[in-house]
Structure formats: C-alpha cells, structure tokens
Amino acid sequence: QVQLIESGGGLAQAGGSLRLSCTASERTFSPYVMGWFRQVAGQQREFVAAIFRSGSTDYDDSVKSRFTISRDNAKNTVYLQMNSLKPEDTGVYYCALKETIFGDGYNYWGQGTQVTVSS
C-alpha cells in the first residue's frame, strides 16, 4: 500500500508563489504517472498537472506557464511549483499516483493540502 504525503500548502497573495511536495512511502518509486488535482468545496476535483515515467508532463490550460511539475526519484517526491498565483487557484490540492499504464484512474491519493490565494 503506497501512502502519499503532501506538504507545502498555505496562504499566498495573488502573484505570489508556493511549492507543493508529495512524498511516496514506497522505496521503489517508478510509477507510470503522478498527478496533482485540486478541489474547491462543492465542486468536482479537477486535474492540474501530471508527470509521466518518461519525464513528459501535462498541464491544465488554466495553469500552463505558471505551474511546473517535477520529480526527484531519489527522494520519492513530486513537486508542484506554483507561480503567479491567482485567487481562483484556491482549493485543496491532492497528489495522486497511477502505478501502471493499465486500468482506469489513479491508484493512490494523498490526504490533500489547502492552498489559499488572497486577492
């Protein structure tokens, strides 16, 4: 059972930056894809960014050029660098992991970390 622990959330002003971290409990860390999602109360969880085993990345259009996803395999950690933050970036950010290319959806989710951006 893989556990994902997020950290780095908090309060930022519009235009500011935050960096989220997600550390996986497994010593062997080579999942097919790791992703970041966010959710606002009363709304569905939405995709933010993903990084694949190959190193390729994908972003939602709303965060392109502002957010950067990266990983450090030696530390079993994925990062989400968030710059030029906007109030609409506010939400609970979840890290997720999909072990293989097979099957639908992500296999493991973190507990979430709150990001609040004030105007």
Protein backbone atom coordinates (compact mmCIF):
# COMPACT_ATOMS: atom_id res chain seq x y z
CA GLN A 1 0.00 0.00 0.00
CA VAL A 2 1.51 3.29 -1.12
CA GLN A 3 0.98 6.33 1.05
CA LEU A 4 1.26 9.81 -0.39
CA ILE A 5 2.02 12.70 1.93
CA GLU A 6 1.52 16.25 0.63
CA SER A 7 3.02 19.35 2.14
CA GLY A 8 3.70 22.96 1.25
CA GLY A 9 0.21 24.37 1.12
CA GLY A 10 -0.73 27.58 2.85
CA LEU A 11 -1.72 31.16 2.27
CA ALA A 12 -0.29 33.29 -0.52
CA GLN A 13 -1.13 36.62 -2.06
CA ALA A 14 -2.14 36.93 -5.67
CA GLY A 15 1.00 36.98 -7.78
CA GLY A 16 2.93 35.02 -5.19
CA SER A 17 4.34 31.50 -5.22
CA LEU A 18 4.04 28.25 -3.34
CA ARG A 19 5.68 24.86 -3.81
CA LEU A 20 3.84 21.69 -3.01
CA SER A 21 5.58 18.41 -2.31
CA CYS A 22 4.26 14.87 -2.44
CA THR A 23 6.35 12.06 -0.99
CA ALA A 24 5.52 8.42 -1.61
CA SER A 25 6.11 5.82 1.04
CA GLU A 26 7.40 3.15 -1.30
CA ARG A 27 11.16 2.79 -1.56
CA THR A 28 10.85 1.76 -5.20
CA PHE A 29 9.40 4.77 -6.87
CA SER A 30 8.72 4.46 -10.59
CA PRO A 31 5.02 4.89 -11.14
CA TYR A 32 3.52 5.29 -14.59
CA VAL A 33 2.27 8.78 -13.75
CA MET A 34 1.98 11.12 -10.79
CA GLY A 35 -0.55 13.89 -10.83
CA TRP A 36 -1.82 16.91 -8.95
CA PHE A 37 -5.51 17.66 -8.69
CA ARG A 38 -7.43 20.36 -6.85
CA GLN A 39 -10.90 20.68 -5.46
CA VAL A 40 -12.98 23.60 -4.32
CA ALA A 41 -15.75 22.94 -1.83
CA GLY A 42 -18.92 21.99 -3.65
CA GLN A 43 -17.15 21.37 -6.93
CA GLN A 44 -15.64 18.35 -8.62
CA ARG A 45 -11.98 17.57 -8.30
CA GLU A 46 -10.10 18.85 -11.34
CA PHE A 47 -6.85 17.95 -13.00
CA VAL A 48 -3.94 20.34 -12.58
CA ALA A 49 -0.75 18.66 -13.78
CA ALA A 50 0.90 15.28 -14.31
CA ILE A 51 4.36 13.88 -14.85
CA PHE A 52 4.88 10.52 -16.55
CA ARG A 53 7.55 7.92 -16.04
CA SER A 54 9.12 9.05 -19.32
CA GLY A 55 9.50 12.55 -17.90
CA SER A 56 6.87 14.10 -20.11
CA THR A 57 4.42 16.45 -18.46
CA ASP A 58 0.87 17.61 -18.95
CA TYR A 59 -0.95 20.66 -17.60
CA ASP A 60 -4.42 22.01 -17.48
CA ASP A 61 -4.69 25.11 -19.66
CA SER A 62 -5.52 27.25 -16.62
CA VAL A 63 -2.07 26.67 -15.08
CA LYS A 64 0.17 26.38 -18.14
CA SER A 65 3.17 28.73 -17.97
CA ARG A 66 2.51 29.34 -14.26
CA PHE A 67 2.86 25.91 -12.66
CA THR A 68 5.68 23.41 -13.07
CA ILE A 69 5.56 19.76 -12.06
CA SER A 70 8.81 17.93 -11.40
CA ARG A 71 10.09 14.90 -9.53
CA ASP A 72 13.07 13.65 -7.58
CA ASN A 73 13.14 9.86 -7.82
CA ALA A 74 15.89 9.58 -5.21
CA LYS A 75 13.57 11.25 -2.71
CA ASN A 76 10.36 9.55 -3.92
CA THR A 77 8.95 13.04 -4.27
CA VAL A 78 6.97 15.01 -6.82
CA TYR A 79 6.76 18.79 -6.68
CA LEU A 80 4.36 21.39 -7.96
CA GLN A 81 5.89 24.84 -8.24
CA MET A 82 3.09 27.37 -8.44
CA ASN A 83 3.95 30.89 -9.57
CA SER A 84 1.82 33.92 -10.41
CA LEU A 85 -0.90 32.56 -8.19
CA LYS A 86 -4.46 33.73 -8.69
CA PRO A 87 -7.41 33.64 -6.26
CA GLU A 88 -9.02 31.01 -8.49
CA ASP A 89 -6.12 28.68 -7.70
CA THR A 90 -7.53 28.35 -4.20
CA GLY A 91 -8.51 24.84 -3.22
CA VAL A 92 -7.40 21.59 -1.67
CA TYR A 93 -4.59 20.11 -3.71
CA TYR A 94 -4.28 16.35 -3.93
CA CYS A 95 -1.38 14.26 -5.11
CA ALA A 96 -2.19 11.02 -6.92
CA LEU A 97 -0.27 8.04 -8.27
CA LYS A 98 -1.03 5.56 -11.02
CA GLU A 99 1.24 2.55 -10.86
CA THR A 100 0.94 1.22 -14.40
CA ILE A 101 -0.48 2.16 -17.74
CA PHE A 102 -3.22 -0.42 -17.27
CA GLY A 103 -6.61 0.32 -15.79
CA ASP A 104 -8.56 3.50 -15.34
CA GLY A 105 -7.88 6.22 -12.85
CA TYR A 106 -5.23 6.72 -10.22
CA ASN A 107 -4.48 4.01 -7.66
CA TYR A 108 -3.48 6.12 -4.66
CA TRP A 109 -4.35 9.56 -3.35
CA GLY A 110 -2.90 11.80 -0.69
CA GLN A 111 -4.88 13.47 2.04
CA GLY A 112 -4.74 16.90 0.42
CA THR A 113 -3.18 20.21 1.34
CA GLN A 114 -5.02 23.54 1.41
CA VAL A 115 -3.89 26.37 -0.83
CA THR A 116 -5.50 29.77 -0.31
CA VAL A 117 -4.70 32.72 -2.56
CA SER A 118 -5.88 36.13 -1.42
CA SER A 119 -6.55 38.99 -3.81
